[in-house]
Amino acid sequence: MWSSIEFKVFAVLMFAVGVWSDCREVDWSDSFNTIGLSQCDRLGDIIQGFCRSDYNPGYDHIGLLESAICCSKPSPWKDSTDFRNANWWSLFNRANAYVECPTGNFLTGLFRTQGWTILYIEEGRCNLAKGQSPRYGPCYDEDITSCFKQSGCCTCKNDTYVTGLYRGACDALSCINKLRCCAFM
C-alpha cells in the first residue's frame, strides 16, 4: 500500500512525463519510398506511432507509410546517443511474428531495402535512453488492425512509445497489426 506522500510523488512524476514529452509528425513520404533509413528528425527522439496514406487492398505497399509520430523523450531521459540497429532481416519474413528493439530501447526509425512488401523492412533503429536501465515500465500491445486499413495515424497511448511491431499473415502494409508500446521505467 502506498503512503499519501509516495502517491503524490508518483502523480507529480507522471504529470511531468506527460508535460515534457512533445510529439510531432515527421514526413517520411520521400525517404521511405527508397532504400535506406527513415527516422525521427531530432537526435534522440522516439516513435509513438505511424501515419499512412489511403488504403487500397490491391495496392498496399510499404511506400504508403507516410510519416512517423516522433516525440522527445520525457525528462530525465532526454539526452542519449546510444543507438543500435535491431536486425529484423529474417524475423519480419515470418507471418504472425513480432520484431522488437532490444529490451529497454525505443524505436527511432526503420531501415528498408528494395521491394514493396513489409518483408523489406529489415531493421529497426533503436535508442536506449540515457540513465534508463535495460528494461521498461508497463508495456501493452496496441491493436492497429482497423486503424492501418485507412488513411491516418495509429499511435501508442499517451506516455508510451513503440518498441516493436507485429505482422499478421500477409505481406501488405496493412498487415502490421500491432504496435508494442512501453513506458519508461
N, C-alpha and C. Protein backbone atom coordinates (compact mmCIF):
# COMPACT_ATOMS: atom_id res chain seq x y z
N MET A 1 0.84 -1.18 0.00
CA MET A 1 0.00 0.00 0.00
C MET A 1 0.88 1.24 0.00
N TRP A 2 0.57 2.17 -0.85
CA TRP A 2 1.34 3.40 -0.95
C TRP A 2 0.92 4.39 0.12
N SER A 3 1.90 5.10 0.64
CA SER A 3 1.57 6.18 1.56
C SER A 3 1.08 7.37 0.75
N SER A 4 0.50 8.32 1.41
CA SER A 4 -0.01 9.51 0.74
C SER A 4 1.12 10.28 0.05
N ILE A 5 2.27 10.35 0.67
CA ILE A 5 3.41 11.07 0.10
C ILE A 5 3.93 10.34 -1.14
N GLU A 6 4.07 8.99 -1.07
CA GLU A 6 4.53 8.23 -2.24
C GLU A 6 3.58 8.42 -3.41
N PHE A 7 2.30 8.40 -3.16
CA PHE A 7 1.33 8.58 -4.23
C PHE A 7 1.45 9.97 -4.85
N LYS A 8 1.62 11.00 -4.02
CA LYS A 8 1.74 12.37 -4.55
C LYS A 8 3.00 12.51 -5.40
N VAL A 9 4.11 11.93 -4.96
CA VAL A 9 5.35 11.99 -5.74
C VAL A 9 5.15 11.27 -7.06
N PHE A 10 4.53 10.11 -7.05
CA PHE A 10 4.25 9.36 -8.27
C PHE A 10 3.37 10.18 -9.21
N ALA A 11 2.34 10.81 -8.70
CA ALA A 11 1.43 11.61 -9.53
C ALA A 11 2.16 12.79 -10.17
N VAL A 12 3.03 13.45 -9.40
CA VAL A 12 3.79 14.58 -9.95
C VAL A 12 4.73 14.09 -11.04
N LEU A 13 5.42 12.97 -10.82
CA LEU A 13 6.32 12.44 -11.84
C LEU A 13 5.56 12.05 -13.11
N MET A 14 4.42 11.44 -12.99
CA MET A 14 3.63 11.06 -14.16
C MET A 14 3.16 12.30 -14.90
N PHE A 15 2.78 13.35 -14.19
CA PHE A 15 2.36 14.60 -14.82
C PHE A 15 3.54 15.23 -15.55
N ALA A 16 4.72 15.21 -14.94
CA ALA A 16 5.90 15.80 -15.57
C ALA A 16 6.28 15.06 -16.84
N VAL A 17 6.18 13.74 -16.84
CA VAL A 17 6.47 12.96 -18.04
C VAL A 17 5.56 13.40 -19.17
N GLY A 18 4.29 13.53 -18.91
CA GLY A 18 3.33 13.95 -19.94
C GLY A 18 3.58 15.36 -20.43
N VAL A 19 3.95 16.25 -19.55
CA VAL A 19 4.14 17.64 -19.92
C VAL A 19 5.39 17.84 -20.76
N TRP A 20 6.48 17.16 -20.43
CA TRP A 20 7.76 17.41 -21.09
C TRP A 20 7.96 16.62 -22.37
N SER A 21 7.07 15.75 -22.73
CA SER A 21 7.21 14.97 -23.95
C SER A 21 6.39 15.62 -25.06
N ASP A 22 7.08 16.28 -26.03
CA ASP A 22 6.34 16.88 -27.14
C ASP A 22 6.47 15.99 -28.36
N CYS A 23 5.37 15.85 -29.10
CA CYS A 23 5.31 14.98 -30.25
C CYS A 23 4.90 15.76 -31.49
N ARG A 24 5.38 15.29 -32.64
CA ARG A 24 5.01 15.91 -33.91
C ARG A 24 5.15 14.87 -35.01
N GLU A 25 4.50 15.14 -36.13
CA GLU A 25 4.54 14.25 -37.27
C GLU A 25 5.77 14.59 -38.13
N VAL A 26 6.59 13.57 -38.43
CA VAL A 26 7.78 13.73 -39.24
C VAL A 26 7.55 13.04 -40.58
N ASP A 27 7.68 13.81 -41.65
CA ASP A 27 7.40 13.35 -43.00
C ASP A 27 8.42 12.31 -43.48
N TRP A 28 7.91 11.12 -43.85
CA TRP A 28 8.74 10.07 -44.43
C TRP A 28 8.32 9.79 -45.87
N SER A 29 7.47 10.61 -46.47
CA SER A 29 6.89 10.30 -47.78
C SER A 29 7.97 10.10 -48.85
N ASP A 30 9.07 10.81 -48.77
CA ASP A 30 10.16 10.59 -49.73
C ASP A 30 11.13 9.52 -49.25
N SER A 31 11.56 9.61 -47.99
CA SER A 31 12.61 8.72 -47.50
C SER A 31 12.18 7.26 -47.45
N PHE A 32 10.91 6.98 -47.16
CA PHE A 32 10.50 5.58 -47.05
C PHE A 32 10.11 4.98 -48.41
N ASN A 33 10.20 5.78 -49.45
CA ASN A 33 9.98 5.26 -50.81
C ASN A 33 11.27 4.78 -51.45
N THR A 34 12.40 4.90 -50.76
CA THR A 34 13.68 4.47 -51.30
C THR A 34 14.42 3.62 -50.26
N ILE A 35 15.44 2.93 -50.72
CA ILE A 35 16.27 2.12 -49.83
C ILE A 35 16.97 3.02 -48.83
N GLY A 36 16.96 2.62 -47.57
CA GLY A 36 17.68 3.38 -46.56
C GLY A 36 16.92 3.52 -45.27
N LEU A 37 17.43 4.39 -44.43
CA LEU A 37 16.89 4.61 -43.10
C LEU A 37 15.95 5.81 -43.09
N SER A 38 14.76 5.63 -42.56
CA SER A 38 13.84 6.74 -42.27
C SER A 38 13.76 6.81 -40.76
N GLN A 39 13.91 8.02 -40.22
CA GLN A 39 13.96 8.14 -38.76
C GLN A 39 13.43 9.48 -38.30
N CYS A 40 13.29 9.61 -37.00
CA CYS A 40 12.90 10.89 -36.42
C CYS A 40 13.95 11.93 -36.79
N ASP A 41 13.51 13.17 -36.94
CA ASP A 41 14.41 14.21 -37.43
C ASP A 41 15.24 14.89 -36.35
N ARG A 42 14.91 14.67 -35.08
CA ARG A 42 15.72 15.24 -33.99
C ARG A 42 16.44 14.11 -33.27
N LEU A 43 17.73 14.30 -33.05
CA LEU A 43 18.55 13.29 -32.41
C LEU A 43 17.95 12.86 -31.07
N GLY A 44 17.75 11.59 -30.91
CA GLY A 44 17.25 11.06 -29.64
C GLY A 44 15.75 10.98 -29.51
N ASP A 45 14.98 11.52 -30.47
CA ASP A 45 13.52 11.38 -30.41
C ASP A 45 13.13 9.93 -30.64
N ILE A 46 11.98 9.56 -30.15
CA ILE A 46 11.49 8.19 -30.28
C ILE A 46 10.09 8.20 -30.91
N ILE A 47 9.70 7.06 -31.46
CA ILE A 47 8.45 6.97 -32.22
C ILE A 47 7.29 6.56 -31.32
N GLN A 48 6.18 7.27 -31.48
CA GLN A 48 4.95 6.92 -30.76
C GLN A 48 3.92 6.30 -31.70
N GLY A 49 4.10 6.42 -33.01
CA GLY A 49 3.17 5.83 -33.95
C GLY A 49 3.55 6.14 -35.39
N PHE A 50 2.71 5.69 -36.30
CA PHE A 50 2.95 5.85 -37.73
C PHE A 50 1.68 6.33 -38.43
N CYS A 51 1.88 7.03 -39.56
CA CYS A 51 0.77 7.51 -40.38
C CYS A 51 0.92 6.95 -41.78
N ARG A 52 -0.19 6.58 -42.37
CA ARG A 52 -0.17 6.02 -43.72
C ARG A 52 -1.15 6.77 -44.61
N SER A 53 -0.95 6.66 -45.91
CA SER A 53 -1.89 7.26 -46.85
C SER A 53 -2.99 6.26 -47.19
N ASP A 54 -3.85 6.63 -48.10
CA ASP A 54 -5.06 5.85 -48.41
C ASP A 54 -4.80 4.37 -48.60
N TYR A 55 -5.69 3.58 -48.03
CA TYR A 55 -5.62 2.12 -48.11
C TYR A 55 -6.36 1.64 -49.35
N ASN A 56 -5.71 0.79 -50.11
CA ASN A 56 -6.30 0.12 -51.25
C ASN A 56 -5.81 -1.32 -51.21
N PRO A 57 -6.69 -2.31 -50.98
CA PRO A 57 -6.23 -3.70 -50.80
C PRO A 57 -5.34 -4.21 -51.93
N GLY A 58 -5.55 -3.75 -53.16
CA GLY A 58 -4.74 -4.22 -54.27
C GLY A 58 -3.44 -3.46 -54.44
N TYR A 59 -3.26 -2.40 -53.69
CA TYR A 59 -2.08 -1.54 -53.83
C TYR A 59 -1.72 -1.02 -52.44
N ASP A 60 -1.20 -1.90 -51.61
CA ASP A 60 -0.94 -1.58 -50.20
C ASP A 60 0.52 -1.86 -49.87
N HIS A 61 1.42 -1.09 -50.48
CA HIS A 61 2.85 -1.33 -50.30
C HIS A 61 3.43 -0.43 -49.21
N ILE A 62 4.68 -0.73 -48.81
CA ILE A 62 5.29 -0.02 -47.68
C ILE A 62 5.58 1.44 -47.98
N GLY A 63 5.61 1.81 -49.25
CA GLY A 63 5.82 3.21 -49.59
C GLY A 63 4.66 4.10 -49.17
N LEU A 64 3.55 3.50 -48.77
CA LEU A 64 2.39 4.26 -48.30
C LEU A 64 2.52 4.64 -46.82
N LEU A 65 3.61 4.20 -46.19
CA LEU A 65 3.91 4.67 -44.83
C LEU A 65 4.48 6.08 -44.99
N GLU A 66 3.69 7.07 -44.63
CA GLU A 66 4.00 8.46 -44.98
C GLU A 66 4.77 9.23 -43.91
N SER A 67 4.59 8.86 -42.64
CA SER A 67 5.26 9.62 -41.59
C SER A 67 5.29 8.84 -40.28
N ALA A 68 6.07 9.35 -39.37
CA ALA A 68 6.14 8.80 -38.02
C ALA A 68 5.78 9.91 -37.04
N ILE A 69 5.15 9.53 -35.94
CA ILE A 69 4.90 10.46 -34.85
C ILE A 69 6.11 10.34 -33.92
N CYS A 70 6.93 11.38 -33.90
CA CYS A 70 8.17 11.37 -33.13
C CYS A 70 8.02 12.27 -31.91
N CYS A 71 8.52 11.79 -30.79
CA CYS A 71 8.39 12.51 -29.52
C CYS A 71 9.75 12.67 -28.86
N SER A 72 9.92 13.81 -28.22
CA SER A 72 11.12 13.96 -27.39
C SER A 72 10.91 13.08 -26.17
N LYS A 73 12.01 12.52 -25.70
CA LYS A 73 11.91 11.67 -24.51
C LYS A 73 11.58 12.54 -23.31
N PRO A 74 10.78 12.01 -22.41
CA PRO A 74 10.47 12.79 -21.21
C PRO A 74 11.70 12.93 -20.32
N SER A 75 11.72 13.99 -19.53
CA SER A 75 12.79 14.18 -18.54
C SER A 75 12.69 13.05 -17.53
N PRO A 76 13.72 12.53 -17.02
CA PRO A 76 15.12 12.95 -17.13
C PRO A 76 15.89 12.17 -18.20
N TRP A 77 15.21 11.54 -19.16
CA TRP A 77 15.86 10.66 -20.12
C TRP A 77 16.13 11.31 -21.47
N LYS A 78 16.05 12.62 -21.57
CA LYS A 78 16.12 13.29 -22.86
C LYS A 78 17.40 13.02 -23.65
N ASP A 79 18.55 13.15 -23.02
CA ASP A 79 19.83 13.08 -23.74
C ASP A 79 20.30 11.64 -23.88
N SER A 80 20.52 11.23 -25.14
CA SER A 80 21.09 9.92 -25.38
C SER A 80 21.49 9.80 -26.84
N THR A 81 22.64 9.25 -27.05
CA THR A 81 23.08 8.95 -28.41
C THR A 81 23.45 7.49 -28.53
N ASP A 82 22.91 6.67 -27.66
CA ASP A 82 23.20 5.24 -27.66
C ASP A 82 22.23 4.53 -28.62
N PHE A 83 22.58 4.53 -29.91
CA PHE A 83 21.73 3.91 -30.92
C PHE A 83 22.24 2.53 -31.27
N ARG A 84 21.34 1.68 -31.67
CA ARG A 84 21.70 0.36 -32.18
C ARG A 84 20.67 -0.06 -33.21
N ASN A 85 21.09 -0.87 -34.15
CA ASN A 85 20.16 -1.38 -35.15
C ASN A 85 19.72 -2.78 -34.74
N ALA A 86 18.41 -2.98 -34.69
CA ALA A 86 17.85 -4.29 -34.39
C ALA A 86 17.73 -5.05 -35.71
N ASN A 87 18.37 -6.19 -35.80
CA ASN A 87 18.38 -7.00 -37.01
C ASN A 87 17.07 -7.76 -37.17
N TRP A 88 16.27 -7.34 -38.15
CA TRP A 88 14.99 -7.99 -38.43
C TRP A 88 15.00 -8.68 -39.79
N TRP A 89 16.19 -8.87 -40.39
CA TRP A 89 16.31 -9.34 -41.77
C TRP A 89 15.53 -10.62 -42.04
N SER A 90 15.49 -11.53 -41.14
CA SER A 90 14.69 -12.75 -41.37
C SER A 90 13.45 -12.79 -40.47
N LEU A 91 13.47 -12.06 -39.37
CA LEU A 91 12.36 -12.11 -38.42
C LEU A 91 11.05 -11.60 -38.98
N PHE A 92 11.08 -10.50 -39.73
CA PHE A 92 9.84 -9.91 -40.24
C PHE A 92 9.34 -10.64 -41.49
N ASN A 93 10.05 -11.68 -41.92
CA ASN A 93 9.60 -12.50 -43.04
C ASN A 93 8.59 -13.55 -42.60
N ARG A 94 8.46 -13.76 -41.32
CA ARG A 94 7.54 -14.77 -40.80
C ARG A 94 6.18 -14.16 -40.48
N ALA A 95 5.13 -14.87 -40.86
CA ALA A 95 3.76 -14.42 -40.54
C ALA A 95 3.52 -14.55 -39.04
N ASN A 96 2.67 -13.68 -38.53
CA ASN A 96 2.25 -13.71 -37.13
C ASN A 96 3.45 -13.69 -36.18
N ALA A 97 4.31 -12.68 -36.37
CA ALA A 97 5.54 -12.59 -35.57
C ALA A 97 5.81 -11.15 -35.16
N TYR A 98 6.52 -11.01 -34.06
CA TYR A 98 6.98 -9.71 -33.57
C TYR A 98 8.41 -9.44 -34.00
N VAL A 99 8.72 -8.17 -34.23
CA VAL A 99 10.09 -7.68 -34.32
C VAL A 99 10.19 -6.59 -33.26
N GLU A 100 11.29 -6.59 -32.52
CA GLU A 100 11.39 -5.63 -31.42
C GLU A 100 12.80 -5.08 -31.28
N CYS A 101 12.87 -3.93 -30.64
CA CYS A 101 14.15 -3.36 -30.23
C CYS A 101 14.67 -4.18 -29.05
N PRO A 102 15.98 -4.14 -28.79
CA PRO A 102 16.49 -4.78 -27.58
C PRO A 102 15.79 -4.19 -26.35
N THR A 103 15.61 -5.00 -25.33
CA THR A 103 14.90 -4.57 -24.13
C THR A 103 15.47 -3.28 -23.57
N GLY A 104 14.57 -2.35 -23.27
CA GLY A 104 14.94 -1.05 -22.74
C GLY A 104 15.11 0.02 -23.81
N ASN A 105 15.12 -0.38 -25.09
CA ASN A 105 15.30 0.54 -26.21
C ASN A 105 13.95 0.89 -26.83
N PHE A 106 13.87 2.10 -27.38
CA PHE A 106 12.67 2.58 -28.05
C PHE A 106 12.98 2.81 -29.53
N LEU A 107 12.01 2.57 -30.39
CA LEU A 107 12.19 2.70 -31.84
C LEU A 107 12.34 4.16 -32.24
N THR A 108 13.34 4.43 -33.10
CA THR A 108 13.56 5.79 -33.62
C THR A 108 13.49 5.84 -35.14
N GLY A 109 13.51 4.68 -35.80
CA GLY A 109 13.45 4.66 -37.25
C GLY A 109 13.36 3.25 -37.80
N LEU A 110 13.17 3.17 -39.12
CA LEU A 110 13.09 1.89 -39.82
C LEU A 110 14.02 1.93 -41.02
N PHE A 111 14.70 0.81 -41.27
CA PHE A 111 15.55 0.67 -42.44
C PHE A 111 14.88 -0.31 -43.39
N ARG A 112 14.75 0.10 -44.66
CA ARG A 112 14.14 -0.76 -45.67
C ARG A 112 15.09 -0.99 -46.83
N THR A 113 14.88 -2.12 -47.51
CA THR A 113 15.64 -2.41 -48.71
C THR A 113 14.71 -2.36 -49.91
N GLN A 114 15.24 -2.81 -51.06
CA GLN A 114 14.47 -2.74 -52.31
C GLN A 114 13.35 -3.76 -52.28
N GLY A 115 12.15 -3.32 -52.52
CA GLY A 115 10.96 -4.16 -52.52
C GLY A 115 9.82 -3.39 -51.90
N TRP A 116 8.61 -3.89 -52.06
CA TRP A 116 7.44 -3.10 -51.66
C TRP A 116 6.56 -3.74 -50.62
N THR A 117 6.93 -4.92 -50.12
CA THR A 117 6.14 -5.55 -49.07
C THR A 117 6.83 -5.33 -47.72
N ILE A 118 6.15 -5.67 -46.65
CA ILE A 118 6.75 -5.47 -45.32
C ILE A 118 7.94 -6.39 -45.08
N LEU A 119 8.15 -7.37 -45.96
CA LEU A 119 9.34 -8.22 -45.86
C LEU A 119 10.62 -7.41 -46.00
N TYR A 120 10.51 -6.23 -46.61
CA TYR A 120 11.68 -5.41 -46.88
C TYR A 120 11.94 -4.36 -45.80
N ILE A 121 11.19 -4.42 -44.70
CA ILE A 121 11.54 -3.64 -43.51
C ILE A 121 12.52 -4.53 -42.75
N GLU A 122 13.80 -4.21 -42.85
CA GLU A 122 14.86 -5.13 -42.42
C GLU A 122 15.44 -4.84 -41.04
N GLU A 123 15.36 -3.58 -40.60
CA GLU A 123 15.95 -3.24 -39.30
C GLU A 123 15.14 -2.16 -38.61
N GLY A 124 15.20 -2.20 -37.31
CA GLY A 124 14.68 -1.11 -36.50
C GLY A 124 15.85 -0.34 -35.95
N ARG A 125 15.76 0.97 -35.97
CA ARG A 125 16.79 1.82 -35.32
C ARG A 125 16.28 2.11 -33.93
N CYS A 126 17.06 1.76 -32.94
CA CYS A 126 16.60 1.79 -31.56
C CYS A 126 17.51 2.67 -30.70
N ASN A 127 16.96 3.17 -29.60
CA ASN A 127 17.69 4.08 -28.74
C ASN A 127 17.41 3.73 -27.28
N LEU A 128 18.49 3.56 -26.52
CA LEU A 128 18.38 3.36 -25.08
C LEU A 128 18.53 4.73 -24.44
N ALA A 129 17.53 5.13 -23.70
CA ALA A 129 17.55 6.45 -23.07
C ALA A 129 18.65 6.53 -22.02
N LYS A 130 19.32 7.68 -21.99
CA LYS A 130 20.40 7.91 -21.02
C LYS A 130 19.85 7.75 -19.60
N GLY A 131 20.52 6.95 -18.81
CA GLY A 131 20.11 6.74 -17.43
C GLY A 131 19.02 5.69 -17.29
N GLN A 132 18.54 5.15 -18.39
CA GLN A 132 17.48 4.13 -18.37
C GLN A 132 18.13 2.76 -18.25
N SER A 133 17.64 1.96 -17.34
CA SER A 133 18.13 0.59 -17.26
C SER A 133 17.54 -0.18 -18.44
N PRO A 134 18.15 -1.28 -18.83
CA PRO A 134 17.64 -2.02 -19.98
C PRO A 134 16.35 -2.80 -19.64
N ARG A 135 15.34 -2.05 -19.31
CA ARG A 135 14.00 -2.62 -19.05
C ARG A 135 12.98 -1.51 -19.25
N TYR A 136 11.72 -1.88 -19.20
CA TYR A 136 10.64 -0.93 -19.45
C TYR A 136 9.75 -0.79 -18.22
N GLY A 137 8.95 0.26 -18.25
CA GLY A 137 7.81 0.35 -17.35
C GLY A 137 6.72 -0.54 -17.95
N PRO A 138 5.47 -0.27 -17.67
CA PRO A 138 4.39 -1.10 -18.22
C PRO A 138 4.39 -1.08 -19.75
N CYS A 139 4.11 -2.24 -20.35
CA CYS A 139 4.00 -2.40 -21.80
C CYS A 139 2.64 -3.00 -22.15
N TYR A 140 2.22 -2.78 -23.37
CA TYR A 140 0.99 -3.39 -23.88
C TYR A 140 1.06 -3.43 -25.41
N ASP A 141 0.16 -4.14 -26.02
CA ASP A 141 0.07 -4.21 -27.48
C ASP A 141 -1.09 -3.36 -27.96
N GLU A 142 -0.81 -2.37 -28.81
CA GLU A 142 -1.84 -1.52 -29.40
C GLU A 142 -2.27 -2.15 -30.72
N ASP A 143 -3.49 -2.66 -30.76
CA ASP A 143 -4.01 -3.28 -31.98
C ASP A 143 -4.36 -2.18 -32.99
N ILE A 144 -3.65 -2.17 -34.12
CA ILE A 144 -3.89 -1.16 -35.14
C ILE A 144 -4.48 -1.79 -36.42
N THR A 145 -5.02 -2.99 -36.31
CA THR A 145 -5.56 -3.70 -37.47
C THR A 145 -6.56 -2.84 -38.23
N SER A 146 -7.54 -2.30 -37.54
CA SER A 146 -8.55 -1.45 -38.20
C SER A 146 -7.96 -0.10 -38.59
N CYS A 147 -7.18 0.48 -37.72
CA CYS A 147 -6.59 1.80 -37.96
C CYS A 147 -5.70 1.80 -39.21
N PHE A 148 -4.92 0.74 -39.40
CA PHE A 148 -3.98 0.71 -40.52
C PHE A 148 -4.64 0.30 -41.84
N LYS A 149 -5.95 0.14 -41.83
CA LYS A 149 -6.68 -0.11 -43.07
C LYS A 149 -7.41 1.14 -43.53
N GLN A 150 -6.89 2.28 -43.13
CA GLN A 150 -7.44 3.56 -43.57
C GLN A 150 -6.33 4.62 -43.48
N SER A 151 -6.55 5.71 -44.14
CA SER A 151 -5.60 6.81 -44.10
C SER A 151 -5.61 7.43 -42.70
N GLY A 152 -4.43 7.75 -42.18
CA GLY A 152 -4.36 8.40 -40.88
C GLY A 152 -3.23 7.85 -40.03
N CYS A 153 -3.23 8.24 -38.77
CA CYS A 153 -2.16 7.88 -37.84
C CYS A 153 -2.65 6.87 -36.81
N CYS A 154 -1.79 5.94 -36.48
CA CYS A 154 -2.05 4.92 -35.47
C CYS A 154 -0.93 5.03 -34.44
N THR A 155 -1.28 5.23 -33.19
CA THR A 155 -0.26 5.52 -32.18
C THR A 155 -0.47 4.73 -30.90
N CYS A 156 0.60 4.69 -30.12
CA CYS A 156 0.52 4.19 -28.75
C CYS A 156 -0.23 5.22 -27.92
N LYS A 157 -0.74 4.78 -26.79
CA LYS A 157 -1.42 5.70 -25.88
C LYS A 157 -0.39 6.68 -25.27
N ASN A 158 -0.89 7.76 -24.70
CA ASN A 158 -0.03 8.78 -24.09
C ASN A 158 1.02 8.17 -23.18
N ASP A 159 2.22 8.72 -23.27
CA ASP A 159 3.33 8.35 -22.40
C ASP A 159 3.82 6.92 -22.59
N THR A 160 3.47 6.30 -23.73
CA THR A 160 4.07 5.03 -24.13
C THR A 160 4.57 5.20 -25.56
N TYR A 161 5.59 4.42 -25.91
CA TYR A 161 6.28 4.61 -27.17
C TYR A 161 6.56 3.25 -27.82
N VAL A 162 6.77 3.24 -29.12
CA VAL A 162 6.93 2.00 -29.88
C VAL A 162 8.27 1.34 -29.57
N THR A 163 8.20 0.05 -29.25
CA THR A 163 9.41 -0.75 -29.04
C THR A 163 9.46 -1.92 -30.02
N GLY A 164 8.35 -2.17 -30.73
CA GLY A 164 8.32 -3.26 -31.69
C GLY A 164 7.05 -3.24 -32.52
N LEU A 165 7.04 -4.11 -33.53
CA LEU A 165 5.91 -4.23 -34.45
C LEU A 165 5.49 -5.70 -34.55
N TYR A 166 4.22 -5.92 -34.80
CA TYR A 166 3.70 -7.27 -35.02
C TYR A 166 3.10 -7.33 -36.41
N ARG A 167 3.49 -8.33 -37.18
CA ARG A 167 2.90 -8.50 -38.50
C ARG A 167 1.97 -9.71 -38.50
N GLY A 168 0.89 -9.57 -39.24
CA GLY A 168 -0.08 -10.65 -39.38
C GLY A 168 0.34 -11.62 -40.47
N ALA A 169 -0.66 -12.20 -41.14
CA ALA A 169 -0.41 -13.28 -42.08
C ALA A 169 -0.03 -12.84 -43.49
N CYS A 170 -0.26 -11.58 -43.85
CA CYS A 170 0.05 -11.16 -45.23
C CYS A 170 1.28 -10.26 -45.26
N ASP A 171 1.65 -9.80 -46.45
CA ASP A 171 2.86 -9.00 -46.62
C ASP A 171 2.59 -7.53 -46.93
N ALA A 172 1.32 -7.13 -46.91
CA ALA A 172 0.95 -5.74 -47.22
C ALA A 172 1.21 -4.84 -46.01
N LEU A 173 1.27 -3.54 -46.25
CA LEU A 173 1.48 -2.58 -45.17
C LEU A 173 0.41 -2.72 -44.08
N SER A 174 -0.83 -2.95 -44.48
CA SER A 174 -1.92 -3.08 -43.51
C SER A 174 -1.81 -4.33 -42.65
N CYS A 175 -0.86 -5.20 -42.94
CA CYS A 175 -0.65 -6.39 -42.11
C CYS A 175 0.26 -6.13 -40.92
N ILE A 176 0.72 -4.89 -40.77
CA ILE A 176 1.32 -4.51 -39.49
C ILE A 176 0.13 -4.28 -38.57
N ASN A 177 -0.14 -5.26 -37.71
CA ASN A 177 -1.37 -5.29 -36.93
C ASN A 177 -1.26 -4.71 -35.52
N LYS A 178 -0.04 -4.66 -34.99
CA LYS A 178 0.10 -4.20 -33.61
C LYS A 178 1.38 -3.41 -33.44
N LEU A 179 1.31 -2.45 -32.54
CA LEU A 179 2.49 -1.75 -32.06
C LEU A 179 2.75 -2.25 -30.63
N ARG A 180 3.97 -2.62 -30.35
CA ARG A 180 4.34 -2.94 -28.97
C ARG A 180 4.69 -1.60 -28.33
N CYS A 181 3.96 -1.22 -27.29
CA CYS A 181 4.08 0.09 -26.66
C CYS A 181 4.53 -0.06 -25.21
N CYS A 182 5.54 0.71 -24.84
CA CYS A 182 6.06 0.62 -23.48
C CYS A 182 6.29 2.02 -22.91
N ALA A 183 6.23 2.09 -21.61
CA ALA A 183 6.53 3.32 -20.88
C ALA A 183 7.97 3.25 -20.38
N PHE A 184 8.49 4.40 -19.98
CA PHE A 184 9.82 4.42 -19.35
C PHE A 184 9.72 3.84 -17.97
N MET A 185 10.82 3.26 -17.50
CA MET A 185 10.88 2.63 -16.18
C MET A 185 10.86 3.72 -15.12
